[in-house]
Amino acid sequence: MNLFYSPGACALASQIALREAGLNFELVKVDLKAKEYAGGDYKKINPKGYIPALQLPNGHMMTEGAVILQWIADQVPEKNLLPKFGTMERYKAMEWLNFIATEIHKGLGSLFGGAVMNEETKEQIKAKVGLRLAVLDNHLSQTPYILGNEFSVADAYAYNVLRWTGLVGVDISNHTNLQKFMGNMSERPTVKEAVAAEGIRL
């Protein structure tokens, strides 16, 4: 399998999940500005032009991080990276994956284009994201991981996007549960391996 990524971007969650699953894969670096990779035009691989994209052994190309994470988890049900499909627990997991994707990922991600954004708009986005982060922080006051006492791919996704808070000026110093979560996640061997593979810092 090939995982198309860009250092520090949103393919980190997929890479962590692949390592947790024990699946074999190769990393393929993408220049997101030029939309190119070592093999040429990235948009021929993924017409959407963004990452992650996971090329399966049969050649099929899968995109959208939250979907890739579920696919990975379903390849190794014995690892319990997500609850069994069709259960209420699985739907709760999908609820969290969707929340992270639409409310946190998109909000924080939009702030990377802050140079073309006026300050009022930027502060409005930060305030909205702050409310969503408070929801997650409150949830993590009751449980060490998003789905309970054990790691899941939802945690990989949350870790990935929460890394961006400092880069875009979103203060989480008052969110002690988020800080504890990030500290715990950074100690996982798979997280250390994934971060090192992308050449970024914990």
N, C-alpha and C. Protein backbone atom coordinates (compact mmCIF):
# COMPACT_ATOMS: atom_id res chain seq x y z
N MET A 1 0.84 -1.20 0.00
CA MET A 1 0.00 0.00 0.00
C MET A 1 0.87 1.24 0.00
N ASN A 2 0.37 2.29 -0.59
CA ASN A 2 1.07 3.57 -0.60
C ASN A 2 0.19 4.63 0.06
N LEU A 3 0.77 5.32 1.05
CA LEU A 3 0.07 6.43 1.69
C LEU A 3 0.69 7.73 1.21
N PHE A 4 -0.10 8.52 0.52
CA PHE A 4 0.35 9.82 0.02
C PHE A 4 0.17 10.85 1.13
N TYR A 5 1.25 11.59 1.42
CA TYR A 5 1.25 12.49 2.57
C TYR A 5 2.04 13.75 2.28
N SER A 6 1.89 14.73 3.16
CA SER A 6 2.72 15.91 3.19
C SER A 6 3.08 16.14 4.65
N PRO A 7 4.33 16.42 4.98
CA PRO A 7 4.75 16.50 6.38
C PRO A 7 3.89 17.43 7.24
N GLY A 8 3.39 16.87 8.35
CA GLY A 8 2.61 17.65 9.30
C GLY A 8 1.17 17.86 8.94
N ALA A 9 0.77 17.43 7.77
CA ALA A 9 -0.61 17.64 7.33
C ALA A 9 -1.50 16.48 7.81
N CYS A 10 -2.67 16.34 7.21
CA CYS A 10 -3.69 15.46 7.79
C CYS A 10 -3.57 13.99 7.44
N ALA A 11 -2.48 13.59 6.77
CA ALA A 11 -2.26 12.16 6.55
C ALA A 11 -1.58 11.51 7.75
N LEU A 12 -1.15 12.32 8.72
CA LEU A 12 -0.48 11.77 9.90
C LEU A 12 -1.38 10.78 10.63
N ALA A 13 -2.67 11.09 10.74
CA ALA A 13 -3.60 10.19 11.42
C ALA A 13 -3.66 8.83 10.73
N SER A 14 -3.71 8.83 9.41
CA SER A 14 -3.74 7.58 8.66
C SER A 14 -2.46 6.78 8.87
N GLN A 15 -1.34 7.49 8.91
CA GLN A 15 -0.07 6.79 9.12
C GLN A 15 -0.03 6.15 10.51
N ILE A 16 -0.47 6.89 11.53
CA ILE A 16 -0.52 6.33 12.88
C ILE A 16 -1.41 5.10 12.91
N ALA A 17 -2.57 5.20 12.27
CA ALA A 17 -3.51 4.07 12.25
C ALA A 17 -2.91 2.86 11.55
N LEU A 18 -2.22 3.06 10.44
CA LEU A 18 -1.58 1.95 9.74
C LEU A 18 -0.54 1.27 10.62
N ARG A 19 0.20 2.06 11.37
CA ARG A 19 1.21 1.50 12.27
C ARG A 19 0.54 0.75 13.42
N GLU A 20 -0.53 1.30 13.96
CA GLU A 20 -1.25 0.62 15.04
C GLU A 20 -1.84 -0.70 14.54
N ALA A 21 -2.26 -0.71 13.28
CA ALA A 21 -2.86 -1.92 12.70
C ALA A 21 -1.81 -2.96 12.32
N GLY A 22 -0.57 -2.53 12.21
CA GLY A 22 0.49 -3.45 11.81
C GLY A 22 0.46 -3.79 10.33
N LEU A 23 -0.09 -2.89 9.52
CA LEU A 23 -0.18 -3.11 8.08
C LEU A 23 1.06 -2.55 7.37
N ASN A 24 1.49 -3.23 6.34
CA ASN A 24 2.65 -2.78 5.57
C ASN A 24 2.25 -1.67 4.60
N PHE A 25 3.06 -0.63 4.53
CA PHE A 25 2.78 0.49 3.63
C PHE A 25 4.05 1.25 3.34
N GLU A 26 4.00 2.03 2.28
CA GLU A 26 5.09 2.93 1.92
C GLU A 26 4.56 4.36 1.93
N LEU A 27 5.39 5.28 2.39
CA LEU A 27 5.03 6.70 2.37
C LEU A 27 5.46 7.32 1.04
N VAL A 28 4.56 8.09 0.45
CA VAL A 28 4.86 8.80 -0.79
C VAL A 28 4.61 10.29 -0.54
N LYS A 29 5.67 11.07 -0.59
CA LYS A 29 5.58 12.50 -0.27
C LYS A 29 4.98 13.29 -1.43
N VAL A 30 4.08 14.20 -1.08
CA VAL A 30 3.41 15.03 -2.07
C VAL A 30 3.73 16.51 -1.82
N ASP A 31 4.05 17.23 -2.87
CA ASP A 31 4.18 18.68 -2.80
C ASP A 31 2.79 19.25 -3.05
N LEU A 32 2.13 19.69 -1.99
CA LEU A 32 0.74 20.12 -2.12
C LEU A 32 0.58 21.41 -2.91
N LYS A 33 1.59 22.27 -2.88
CA LYS A 33 1.49 23.51 -3.64
C LYS A 33 1.58 23.24 -5.14
N ALA A 34 2.52 22.40 -5.51
CA ALA A 34 2.71 22.08 -6.93
C ALA A 34 1.80 20.95 -7.39
N LYS A 35 1.18 20.24 -6.42
CA LYS A 35 0.34 19.07 -6.72
C LYS A 35 1.15 18.01 -7.47
N GLU A 36 2.38 17.79 -6.98
CA GLU A 36 3.25 16.82 -7.61
C GLU A 36 3.85 15.86 -6.58
N TYR A 37 4.21 14.68 -7.04
CA TYR A 37 4.96 13.73 -6.23
C TYR A 37 6.04 13.13 -7.13
N ALA A 38 6.84 12.22 -6.60
CA ALA A 38 7.97 11.70 -7.38
C ALA A 38 7.53 11.08 -8.70
N GLY A 39 6.30 10.59 -8.75
CA GLY A 39 5.81 9.95 -9.97
C GLY A 39 5.17 10.90 -10.95
N GLY A 40 5.08 12.19 -10.59
CA GLY A 40 4.50 13.16 -11.53
C GLY A 40 3.34 13.94 -10.97
N ASP A 41 2.30 14.06 -11.75
CA ASP A 41 1.13 14.88 -11.42
C ASP A 41 0.26 14.16 -10.38
N TYR A 42 0.20 14.72 -9.18
CA TYR A 42 -0.57 14.08 -8.11
C TYR A 42 -2.06 14.03 -8.42
N LYS A 43 -2.55 15.01 -9.16
CA LYS A 43 -3.98 15.05 -9.46
C LYS A 43 -4.42 13.90 -10.37
N LYS A 44 -3.47 13.24 -11.00
CA LYS A 44 -3.80 12.03 -11.75
C LYS A 44 -4.06 10.87 -10.79
N ILE A 45 -3.43 10.95 -9.62
CA ILE A 45 -3.63 9.94 -8.57
C ILE A 45 -4.90 10.26 -7.80
N ASN A 46 -5.01 11.52 -7.40
CA ASN A 46 -6.17 11.97 -6.64
C ASN A 46 -6.65 13.30 -7.23
N PRO A 47 -7.69 13.27 -8.04
CA PRO A 47 -8.20 14.49 -8.69
C PRO A 47 -8.59 15.59 -7.70
N LYS A 48 -8.86 15.22 -6.44
CA LYS A 48 -9.20 16.24 -5.44
C LYS A 48 -7.99 17.10 -5.10
N GLY A 49 -6.80 16.56 -5.29
CA GLY A 49 -5.59 17.34 -5.11
C GLY A 49 -5.10 17.49 -3.69
N TYR A 50 -5.76 16.85 -2.74
CA TYR A 50 -5.28 16.95 -1.35
C TYR A 50 -5.01 15.57 -0.78
N ILE A 51 -4.52 15.57 0.45
CA ILE A 51 -4.19 14.32 1.11
C ILE A 51 -5.10 14.14 2.33
N PRO A 52 -5.16 12.92 2.88
CA PRO A 52 -4.43 11.73 2.49
C PRO A 52 -5.09 11.02 1.32
N ALA A 53 -4.31 10.17 0.70
CA ALA A 53 -4.83 9.21 -0.27
C ALA A 53 -4.11 7.90 0.00
N LEU A 54 -4.84 6.82 0.01
CA LEU A 54 -4.26 5.51 0.28
C LEU A 54 -4.50 4.60 -0.92
N GLN A 55 -3.40 4.18 -1.53
CA GLN A 55 -3.49 3.27 -2.67
C GLN A 55 -3.44 1.84 -2.14
N LEU A 56 -4.53 1.11 -2.33
CA LEU A 56 -4.65 -0.24 -1.80
C LEU A 56 -3.87 -1.24 -2.66
N PRO A 57 -3.60 -2.43 -2.14
CA PRO A 57 -2.83 -3.42 -2.90
C PRO A 57 -3.44 -3.74 -4.27
N ASN A 58 -4.77 -3.62 -4.39
CA ASN A 58 -5.41 -3.91 -5.68
C ASN A 58 -5.40 -2.71 -6.63
N GLY A 59 -4.73 -1.62 -6.19
CA GLY A 59 -4.62 -0.43 -7.03
C GLY A 59 -5.69 0.60 -6.78
N HIS A 60 -6.74 0.22 -6.07
CA HIS A 60 -7.83 1.18 -5.78
C HIS A 60 -7.30 2.33 -4.93
N MET A 61 -7.73 3.54 -5.24
CA MET A 61 -7.31 4.72 -4.50
C MET A 61 -8.42 5.17 -3.57
N MET A 62 -8.12 5.24 -2.30
CA MET A 62 -9.09 5.67 -1.30
C MET A 62 -8.70 7.05 -0.79
N THR A 63 -9.68 7.95 -0.68
CA THR A 63 -9.43 9.29 -0.16
C THR A 63 -10.39 9.59 0.99
N GLU A 64 -10.21 10.73 1.61
CA GLU A 64 -10.95 11.22 2.77
C GLU A 64 -10.49 10.50 4.05
N GLY A 65 -9.82 11.29 4.90
CA GLY A 65 -9.18 10.74 6.08
C GLY A 65 -10.07 9.91 6.98
N ALA A 66 -11.27 10.39 7.27
CA ALA A 66 -12.15 9.67 8.18
C ALA A 66 -12.57 8.31 7.61
N VAL A 67 -12.67 8.23 6.29
CA VAL A 67 -13.03 6.96 5.64
C VAL A 67 -11.83 6.02 5.64
N ILE A 68 -10.66 6.55 5.34
CA ILE A 68 -9.44 5.75 5.36
C ILE A 68 -9.23 5.14 6.74
N LEU A 69 -9.44 5.93 7.78
CA LEU A 69 -9.26 5.43 9.15
C LEU A 69 -10.19 4.26 9.43
N GLN A 70 -11.44 4.36 8.98
CA GLN A 70 -12.38 3.26 9.19
C GLN A 70 -11.97 2.02 8.41
N TRP A 71 -11.51 2.23 7.18
CA TRP A 71 -11.06 1.08 6.38
C TRP A 71 -9.92 0.36 7.07
N ILE A 72 -8.94 1.13 7.55
CA ILE A 72 -7.79 0.53 8.24
C ILE A 72 -8.26 -0.29 9.44
N ALA A 73 -9.11 0.31 10.26
CA ALA A 73 -9.61 -0.39 11.46
C ALA A 73 -10.32 -1.68 11.09
N ASP A 74 -11.07 -1.67 10.01
CA ASP A 74 -11.85 -2.84 9.62
C ASP A 74 -10.99 -3.97 9.04
N GLN A 75 -9.74 -3.66 8.69
CA GLN A 75 -8.85 -4.72 8.19
C GLN A 75 -8.32 -5.59 9.32
N VAL A 76 -8.32 -5.05 10.52
CA VAL A 76 -7.75 -5.78 11.67
C VAL A 76 -8.73 -5.69 12.85
N PRO A 77 -9.90 -6.31 12.74
CA PRO A 77 -10.90 -6.20 13.81
C PRO A 77 -10.39 -6.65 15.17
N GLU A 78 -9.41 -7.56 15.16
CA GLU A 78 -8.86 -8.06 16.42
C GLU A 78 -8.09 -7.00 17.19
N LYS A 79 -7.69 -5.92 16.51
CA LYS A 79 -6.95 -4.83 17.18
C LYS A 79 -7.89 -3.85 17.88
N ASN A 80 -9.19 -3.94 17.61
CA ASN A 80 -10.18 -3.07 18.25
C ASN A 80 -9.87 -1.58 18.06
N LEU A 81 -9.48 -1.23 16.85
CA LEU A 81 -9.21 0.18 16.55
C LEU A 81 -10.49 0.97 16.34
N LEU A 82 -11.60 0.27 16.12
CA LEU A 82 -12.95 0.83 16.10
C LEU A 82 -13.91 -0.28 16.53
N PRO A 83 -15.06 0.08 17.09
CA PRO A 83 -16.06 -0.93 17.42
C PRO A 83 -16.56 -1.64 16.16
N LYS A 84 -17.16 -2.79 16.35
CA LYS A 84 -17.67 -3.60 15.24
C LYS A 84 -18.72 -2.83 14.45
N PHE A 85 -18.63 -2.95 13.12
CA PHE A 85 -19.58 -2.25 12.25
C PHE A 85 -21.00 -2.72 12.52
N GLY A 86 -21.94 -1.78 12.54
CA GLY A 86 -23.35 -2.10 12.76
C GLY A 86 -23.80 -1.97 14.20
N THR A 87 -22.84 -1.77 15.12
CA THR A 87 -23.19 -1.61 16.53
C THR A 87 -23.40 -0.14 16.86
N MET A 88 -24.11 0.12 17.95
CA MET A 88 -24.31 1.50 18.37
C MET A 88 -22.98 2.14 18.72
N GLU A 89 -22.05 1.36 19.26
CA GLU A 89 -20.72 1.88 19.58
C GLU A 89 -20.00 2.37 18.33
N ARG A 90 -20.21 1.67 17.22
CA ARG A 90 -19.57 2.09 15.97
C ARG A 90 -20.16 3.42 15.50
N TYR A 91 -21.47 3.57 15.64
CA TYR A 91 -22.08 4.82 15.21
C TYR A 91 -21.62 5.99 16.09
N LYS A 92 -21.38 5.72 17.37
CA LYS A 92 -20.84 6.77 18.24
C LYS A 92 -19.42 7.14 17.79
N ALA A 93 -18.66 6.12 17.39
CA ALA A 93 -17.31 6.38 16.89
C ALA A 93 -17.36 7.22 15.62
N MET A 94 -18.29 6.90 14.73
CA MET A 94 -18.44 7.66 13.49
C MET A 94 -18.87 9.10 13.79
N GLU A 95 -19.67 9.24 14.83
CA GLU A 95 -20.10 10.58 15.26
C GLU A 95 -18.89 11.42 15.64
N TRP A 96 -17.96 10.83 16.40
CA TRP A 96 -16.76 11.56 16.81
C TRP A 96 -15.84 11.83 15.62
N LEU A 97 -15.69 10.85 14.74
CA LEU A 97 -14.86 11.07 13.55
C LEU A 97 -15.42 12.22 12.71
N ASN A 98 -16.73 12.26 12.58
CA ASN A 98 -17.36 13.33 11.81
C ASN A 98 -17.20 14.68 12.50
N PHE A 99 -17.32 14.69 13.81
CA PHE A 99 -17.15 15.93 14.58
C PHE A 99 -15.74 16.47 14.41
N ILE A 100 -14.75 15.59 14.52
CA ILE A 100 -13.36 16.02 14.35
C ILE A 100 -13.14 16.55 12.93
N ALA A 101 -13.70 15.85 11.95
CA ALA A 101 -13.50 16.24 10.55
C ALA A 101 -14.14 17.57 10.21
N THR A 102 -15.38 17.75 10.62
CA THR A 102 -16.14 18.92 10.17
C THR A 102 -16.01 20.13 11.09
N GLU A 103 -15.83 19.89 12.38
CA GLU A 103 -15.84 20.99 13.33
C GLU A 103 -14.45 21.43 13.80
N ILE A 104 -13.50 20.51 13.83
CA ILE A 104 -12.16 20.86 14.31
C ILE A 104 -11.16 20.92 13.15
N HIS A 105 -11.09 19.86 12.38
CA HIS A 105 -10.16 19.82 11.24
C HIS A 105 -10.40 20.99 10.29
N LYS A 106 -11.63 21.16 9.85
CA LYS A 106 -11.92 22.21 8.88
C LYS A 106 -11.70 23.60 9.47
N GLY A 107 -12.05 23.77 10.73
CA GLY A 107 -11.85 25.06 11.37
C GLY A 107 -10.39 25.43 11.50
N LEU A 108 -9.60 24.53 12.07
CA LEU A 108 -8.17 24.80 12.23
C LEU A 108 -7.48 24.89 10.88
N GLY A 109 -7.87 24.01 9.96
CA GLY A 109 -7.24 24.01 8.64
C GLY A 109 -7.44 25.32 7.90
N SER A 110 -8.61 25.92 8.07
CA SER A 110 -8.88 27.18 7.36
C SER A 110 -7.98 28.31 7.83
N LEU A 111 -7.47 28.20 9.05
CA LEU A 111 -6.63 29.26 9.61
C LEU A 111 -5.22 29.26 9.01
N PHE A 112 -4.84 28.19 8.33
CA PHE A 112 -3.54 28.18 7.66
C PHE A 112 -3.53 29.15 6.49
N GLY A 113 -4.70 29.56 6.02
CA GLY A 113 -4.77 30.57 4.97
C GLY A 113 -4.98 31.96 5.55
N GLY A 114 -4.53 32.14 6.79
CA GLY A 114 -4.78 33.39 7.51
C GLY A 114 -4.23 34.64 6.87
N ALA A 115 -3.22 34.48 6.01
CA ALA A 115 -2.60 35.65 5.39
C ALA A 115 -3.58 36.40 4.50
N VAL A 116 -4.58 35.70 3.98
CA VAL A 116 -5.55 36.35 3.10
C VAL A 116 -6.88 36.59 3.82
N MET A 117 -6.85 36.48 5.14
CA MET A 117 -8.05 36.61 5.94
C MET A 117 -7.95 37.87 6.79
N ASN A 118 -9.03 38.63 6.91
CA ASN A 118 -8.96 39.79 7.80
C ASN A 118 -9.04 39.32 9.25
N GLU A 119 -8.60 40.16 10.15
CA GLU A 119 -8.50 39.77 11.56
C GLU A 119 -9.86 39.41 12.17
N GLU A 120 -10.89 40.12 11.76
CA GLU A 120 -12.22 39.84 12.31
C GLU A 120 -12.68 38.42 11.96
N THR A 121 -12.49 38.05 10.71
CA THR A 121 -12.86 36.70 10.27
C THR A 121 -12.03 35.65 10.99
N LYS A 122 -10.73 35.92 11.12
CA LYS A 122 -9.84 34.99 11.78
C LYS A 122 -10.27 34.76 13.23
N GLU A 123 -10.60 35.84 13.93
CA GLU A 123 -11.01 35.72 15.33
C GLU A 123 -12.35 35.00 15.46
N GLN A 124 -13.24 35.20 14.51
CA GLN A 124 -14.52 34.50 14.53
C GLN A 124 -14.32 32.99 14.39
N ILE A 125 -13.43 32.61 13.50
CA ILE A 125 -13.14 31.19 13.30
C ILE A 125 -12.49 30.61 14.56
N LYS A 126 -11.55 31.34 15.14
CA LYS A 126 -10.90 30.87 16.36
C LYS A 126 -11.90 30.68 17.49
N ALA A 127 -12.84 31.60 17.60
CA ALA A 127 -13.86 31.51 18.65
C ALA A 127 -14.74 30.28 18.44
N LYS A 128 -15.12 30.04 17.20
CA LYS A 128 -15.96 28.87 16.89
C LYS A 128 -15.21 27.58 17.17
N VAL A 129 -13.95 27.52 16.72
CA VAL A 129 -13.14 26.32 16.98
C VAL A 129 -12.95 26.13 18.48
N GLY A 130 -12.77 27.24 19.19
CA GLY A 130 -12.61 27.15 20.64
C GLY A 130 -13.79 26.48 21.32
N LEU A 131 -14.98 26.76 20.85
CA LEU A 131 -16.18 26.12 21.41
C LEU A 131 -16.16 24.62 21.15
N ARG A 132 -15.72 24.23 19.96
CA ARG A 132 -15.66 22.80 19.62
C ARG A 132 -14.58 22.10 20.43
N LEU A 133 -13.46 22.77 20.63
CA LEU A 133 -12.39 22.20 21.44
C LEU A 133 -12.83 22.01 22.89
N ALA A 134 -13.67 22.93 23.37
CA ALA A 134 -14.19 22.81 24.74
C ALA A 134 -15.06 21.57 24.88
N VAL A 135 -15.81 21.23 23.84
CA VAL A 135 -16.63 20.01 23.86
C VAL A 135 -15.74 18.79 24.00
N LEU A 136 -14.68 18.73 23.22
CA LEU A 136 -13.76 17.59 23.28
C LEU A 136 -13.02 17.55 24.60
N ASP A 137 -12.61 18.72 25.09
CA ASP A 137 -11.92 18.79 26.37
C ASP A 137 -12.81 18.27 27.49
N ASN A 138 -14.07 18.66 27.49
CA ASN A 138 -15.01 18.20 28.51
C ASN A 138 -15.20 16.68 28.42
N HIS A 139 -15.31 16.17 27.20
CA HIS A 139 -15.47 14.73 27.00
C HIS A 139 -14.27 13.97 27.56
N LEU A 140 -13.07 14.50 27.32
CA LEU A 140 -11.85 13.83 27.77
C LEU A 140 -11.62 13.98 29.27
N SER A 141 -12.47 14.73 29.95
CA SER A 141 -12.38 14.78 31.42
C SER A 141 -12.95 13.51 32.03
N GLN A 142 -13.71 12.76 31.23
CA GLN A 142 -14.39 11.57 31.72
C GLN A 142 -13.71 10.28 31.27
N THR A 143 -12.82 10.37 30.29
CA THR A 143 -12.23 9.17 29.71
C THR A 143 -10.88 9.52 29.09
N PRO A 144 -9.89 8.62 29.18
CA PRO A 144 -8.55 8.95 28.66
C PRO A 144 -8.48 9.02 27.15
N TYR A 145 -9.33 8.25 26.49
CA TYR A 145 -9.37 8.26 25.03
C TYR A 145 -10.79 8.60 24.57
N ILE A 146 -10.93 8.96 23.33
CA ILE A 146 -12.22 9.47 22.85
C ILE A 146 -13.33 8.44 22.98
N LEU A 147 -13.02 7.16 22.73
CA LEU A 147 -14.06 6.14 22.80
C LEU A 147 -14.05 5.35 24.10
N GLY A 148 -13.25 5.78 25.06
CA GLY A 148 -13.24 5.07 26.34
C GLY A 148 -11.84 4.88 26.87
N ASN A 149 -11.56 3.69 27.35
CA ASN A 149 -10.27 3.42 27.99
C ASN A 149 -9.20 2.94 27.04
N GLU A 150 -9.57 2.66 25.79
CA GLU A 150 -8.61 2.13 24.83
C GLU A 150 -8.46 3.07 23.62
N PHE A 151 -7.27 3.05 23.05
CA PHE A 151 -6.97 3.83 21.85
C PHE A 151 -7.86 3.40 20.68
N SER A 152 -8.25 4.37 19.86
CA SER A 152 -8.95 4.08 18.61
C SER A 152 -8.41 5.02 17.53
N VAL A 153 -8.83 4.78 16.30
CA VAL A 153 -8.37 5.67 15.22
C VAL A 153 -8.90 7.09 15.39
N ALA A 154 -9.97 7.27 16.16
CA ALA A 154 -10.46 8.62 16.44
C ALA A 154 -9.41 9.43 17.20
N ASP A 155 -8.65 8.76 18.05
CA ASP A 155 -7.59 9.44 18.80
C ASP A 155 -6.46 9.87 17.87
N ALA A 156 -6.15 9.04 16.89
CA ALA A 156 -5.12 9.40 15.91
C ALA A 156 -5.53 10.66 15.15
N TYR A 157 -6.80 10.73 14.78
CA TYR A 157 -7.31 11.90 14.05
C TYR A 157 -7.27 13.14 14.93
N ALA A 158 -7.73 13.01 16.17
CA ALA A 158 -7.73 14.15 17.08
C ALA A 158 -6.31 14.65 17.32
N TYR A 159 -5.39 13.72 17.55
CA TYR A 159 -3.99 14.11 17.77
C TYR A 159 -3.45 14.87 16.57
N ASN A 160 -3.72 14.36 15.39
CA ASN A 160 -3.25 14.99 14.16
C ASN A 160 -3.67 16.46 14.09
N VAL A 161 -4.95 16.73 14.25
CA VAL A 161 -5.42 18.11 14.05
C VAL A 161 -5.14 19.01 15.26
N LEU A 162 -5.09 18.43 16.46
CA LEU A 162 -4.79 19.26 17.63
C LEU A 162 -3.34 19.75 17.60
N ARG A 163 -2.48 19.05 16.88
CA ARG A 163 -1.10 19.51 16.71
C ARG A 163 -1.04 20.89 16.06
N TRP A 164 -2.08 21.23 15.32
CA TRP A 164 -2.07 22.48 14.56
C TRP A 164 -2.41 23.71 15.40
N THR A 165 -2.95 23.51 16.59
CA THR A 165 -3.45 24.66 17.36
C THR A 165 -2.38 25.73 17.56
N GLY A 166 -1.19 25.31 17.96
CA GLY A 166 -0.12 26.28 18.18
C GLY A 166 0.34 26.96 16.91
N LEU A 167 0.23 26.26 15.80
CA LEU A 167 0.68 26.81 14.51
C LEU A 167 -0.24 27.90 13.99
N VAL A 168 -1.51 27.85 14.40
CA VAL A 168 -2.49 28.83 13.89
C VAL A 168 -2.97 29.78 14.98
N GLY A 169 -2.31 29.76 16.13
CA GLY A 169 -2.63 30.72 17.18
C GLY A 169 -3.89 30.44 17.96
N VAL A 170 -4.27 29.17 18.08
CA VAL A 170 -5.42 28.80 18.91
C VAL A 170 -4.89 28.29 20.25
N ASP A 171 -5.22 28.99 21.30
CA ASP A 171 -4.70 28.70 22.64
C ASP A 171 -5.50 27.59 23.31
N ILE A 172 -4.82 26.51 23.70
CA ILE A 172 -5.50 25.43 24.43
C ILE A 172 -4.94 25.29 25.85
N SER A 173 -4.27 26.34 26.33
CA SER A 173 -3.65 26.25 27.66
C SER A 173 -4.67 26.04 28.77
N ASN A 174 -5.92 26.48 28.56
CA ASN A 174 -6.95 26.26 29.57
C ASN A 174 -7.65 24.91 29.42
N HIS A 175 -7.35 24.21 28.34
CA HIS A 175 -7.97 22.90 28.11
C HIS A 175 -7.02 21.82 28.62
N THR A 176 -7.03 21.62 29.92
CA THR A 176 -6.06 20.71 30.54
C THR A 176 -6.24 19.26 30.09
N ASN A 177 -7.46 18.88 29.78
CA ASN A 177 -7.69 17.50 29.34
C ASN A 177 -7.14 17.26 27.94
N LEU A 178 -7.24 18.27 27.09
CA LEU A 178 -6.64 18.16 25.76
C LEU A 178 -5.13 18.07 25.87
N GLN A 179 -4.55 18.84 26.77
CA GLN A 179 -3.10 18.81 26.94
C GLN A 179 -2.65 17.45 27.45
N LYS A 180 -3.40 16.90 28.40
CA LYS A 180 -3.07 15.57 28.93
C LYS A 180 -3.18 14.52 27.83
N PHE A 181 -4.23 14.62 27.05
CA PHE A 181 -4.44 13.69 25.93
C PHE A 181 -3.27 13.76 24.96
N MET A 182 -2.86 14.97 24.59
CA MET A 182 -1.76 15.13 23.64
C MET A 182 -0.46 14.58 24.21
N GLY A 183 -0.26 14.78 25.51
CA GLY A 183 0.94 14.24 26.15
C GLY A 183 0.96 12.73 26.12
N ASN A 184 -0.18 12.13 26.43
CA ASN A 184 -0.28 10.66 26.41
C ASN A 184 -0.08 10.11 25.00
N MET A 185 -0.69 10.78 24.03
CA MET A 185 -0.58 10.32 22.65
C MET A 185 0.87 10.40 22.16
N SER A 186 1.57 11.45 22.54
CA SER A 186 2.94 11.63 22.07
C SER A 186 3.89 10.57 22.61
N GLU A 187 3.45 9.83 23.63
CA GLU A 187 4.27 8.76 24.19
C GLU A 187 4.04 7.41 23.50
N ARG A 188 3.02 7.32 22.67
CA ARG A 188 2.77 6.05 21.98
C ARG A 188 3.87 5.79 20.95
N PRO A 189 4.42 4.58 20.92
CA PRO A 189 5.50 4.28 19.97
C PRO A 189 5.11 4.54 18.52
N THR A 190 3.86 4.23 18.16
CA THR A 190 3.43 4.44 16.77
C THR A 190 3.40 5.91 16.41
N VAL A 191 3.05 6.74 17.37
CA VAL A 191 3.02 8.19 17.13
C VAL A 191 4.44 8.71 16.95
N LYS A 192 5.35 8.26 17.81
CA LYS A 192 6.75 8.66 17.68
C LYS A 192 7.31 8.24 16.32
N GLU A 193 6.97 7.02 15.89
CA GLU A 193 7.46 6.51 14.61
C GLU A 193 6.90 7.32 13.44
N ALA A 194 5.61 7.63 13.51
CA ALA A 194 4.96 8.36 12.43
C ALA A 194 5.50 9.78 12.31
N VAL A 195 5.67 10.44 13.44
CA VAL A 195 6.20 11.80 13.45
C VAL A 195 7.63 11.81 12.89
N ALA A 196 8.43 10.84 13.32
CA ALA A 196 9.81 10.75 12.83
C ALA A 196 9.84 10.49 11.33
N ALA A 197 8.94 9.64 10.85
CA ALA A 197 8.90 9.31 9.42
C ALA A 197 8.57 10.52 8.56
N GLU A 198 7.80 11.45 9.12
CA GLU A 198 7.44 12.66 8.37
C GLU A 198 8.46 13.77 8.56
N GLY A 199 9.42 13.54 9.46
CA GLY A 199 10.45 14.54 9.68
C GLY A 199 9.97 15.77 10.42
N ILE A 200 8.96 15.58 11.30
CA ILE A 200 8.43 16.69 12.09
C ILE A 200 8.66 16.41 13.57
N ARG A 201 8.37 17.38 14.40
CA ARG A 201 8.61 17.24 15.84
C ARG A 201 7.34 16.79 16.56
N LEU A 202 7.54 16.10 17.69
CA LEU A 202 6.41 15.72 18.52
C LEU A 202 5.73 16.97 19.06
